[in-house]
Amino acid sequence: MSLVELYGRDGCCLCDDARVALERLRRELGFELVEVDIATDDALHRVYFERIPVVRCNGAELFDFHVDEAVLRAALAAAEDDLESRR
C-alpha cells in the first residue's frame, strides 16, 4: 500500500483544502494517509513553512500549495506497477 504524507499545520486553509482532496482520493484509491504537523518540529518548520501544504508519495515530494490529482494518481499507479513487477 502506498504512503501519502501531507505536511502542514493547523490554521492553514490550503492545508485544509489539501486534506479534503486527499481524503476523498484515499477512499477511492486506497492509500495510507499520514499528516505531519510542521509546527511540532523546528527543522520541518524551517523547510516547509513557506510551501505548505506539501504532499509526498512513497518518499517522493510531488507538489506543494495544492493537490494535483492527476500527478498523484500517476504516482500511485507507478508505485502499484512497480510492486506488481517485483512479484
Protein backbone atom coordinates (compact mmCIF):
# COMPACT_ATOMS: atom_id res chain seq x y z
CA MET A 1 0.00 0.00 0.00
CA SER A 2 1.32 3.43 -0.91
CA LEU A 3 2.02 6.08 1.69
CA VAL A 4 0.95 9.68 1.10
CA GLU A 5 2.14 12.32 3.56
CA LEU A 6 0.61 15.75 3.98
CA TYR A 7 2.95 18.30 5.57
CA GLY A 8 1.03 21.25 7.01
CA ARG A 9 -0.13 22.95 10.17
CA ASP A 10 -3.32 23.94 11.97
CA GLY A 11 -4.94 27.12 10.77
CA CYS A 12 -3.74 26.74 7.17
CA CYS A 13 -6.71 26.93 4.79
CA LEU A 14 -4.69 25.47 1.91
CA CYS A 15 -3.78 22.54 4.16
CA ASP A 16 -7.47 22.03 4.94
CA ASP A 17 -8.28 22.01 1.21
CA ALA A 18 -5.49 19.51 0.55
CA ARG A 19 -6.72 17.27 3.38
CA VAL A 20 -10.24 17.17 1.93
CA ALA A 21 -8.94 16.28 -1.54
CA LEU A 22 -6.57 13.63 -0.19
CA GLU A 23 -9.25 12.03 2.00
CA ARG A 24 -11.58 11.79 -0.99
CA LEU A 25 -8.85 10.23 -3.13
CA ARG A 26 -7.80 7.90 -0.29
CA ARG A 27 -11.32 6.46 -0.13
CA GLU A 28 -11.25 5.90 -3.89
CA LEU A 29 -7.67 4.70 -4.37
CA GLY A 30 -6.83 3.06 -1.04
CA PHE A 31 -3.53 4.58 0.10
CA GLU A 32 -2.34 5.29 3.63
CA LEU A 33 -2.53 9.00 4.51
CA VAL A 34 -0.32 10.44 7.25
CA GLU A 35 -0.46 14.08 8.30
CA VAL A 36 2.73 15.71 9.55
CA ASP A 37 2.34 18.88 11.61
CA ILE A 38 5.36 21.03 10.80
CA ALA A 39 4.73 23.16 13.88
CA THR A 40 5.91 20.30 16.10
CA ASP A 41 9.41 20.15 14.62
CA ASP A 42 11.71 23.15 14.15
CA ALA A 43 13.59 21.57 11.24
CA LEU A 44 10.39 20.73 9.36
CA HIS A 45 9.03 24.20 10.10
CA ARG A 46 12.12 25.80 8.54
CA VAL A 47 11.98 23.59 5.46
CA TYR A 48 8.26 23.68 4.74
CA PHE A 49 6.83 26.85 6.36
CA GLU A 50 6.55 28.94 3.19
CA ARG A 51 5.49 25.98 0.99
CA ILE A 52 2.68 24.21 2.84
CA PRO A 53 0.83 22.13 2.17
CA VAL A 54 3.45 19.76 0.76
CA VAL A 55 2.45 16.30 -0.41
CA ARG A 56 4.84 13.35 -0.64
CA CYS A 57 4.07 9.93 -2.05
CA ASN A 58 6.21 6.94 -1.07
CA GLY A 59 9.00 9.29 -0.02
CA ALA A 60 9.00 11.45 -3.16
CA GLU A 61 7.86 15.05 -2.92
CA LEU A 62 5.14 15.58 -5.50
CA PHE A 63 3.82 19.09 -5.05
CA ASP A 64 3.15 22.00 -2.75
CA PHE A 65 0.33 24.53 -2.27
CA HIS A 66 -2.34 22.31 -3.85
CA VAL A 67 -3.16 18.69 -4.65
CA ASP A 68 -2.67 17.83 -8.30
CA GLU A 69 -4.92 14.80 -8.61
CA ALA A 70 -3.52 13.69 -11.97
CA VAL A 71 0.05 13.71 -10.65
CA LEU A 72 -0.95 11.80 -7.51
CA ARG A 73 -2.91 9.22 -9.50
CA ALA A 74 0.08 8.71 -11.81
CA ALA A 75 2.49 8.33 -8.87
CA LEU A 76 0.21 5.80 -7.18
CA ALA A 77 -0.25 3.84 -10.42
CA ALA A 78 3.52 3.79 -11.00
CA ALA A 79 4.09 2.51 -7.45
CA GLU A 80 1.49 -0.22 -7.99
CA ASP A 81 3.08 -1.20 -11.32
CA ASP A 82 6.50 -1.35 -9.65
CA LEU A 83 5.12 -3.56 -6.89
CA GLU A 84 3.48 -5.88 -9.43
CA SER A 85 6.67 -6.20 -11.45
CA ARG A 86 8.60 -7.29 -8.35
CA ARG A 87 6.22 -10.16 -7.65
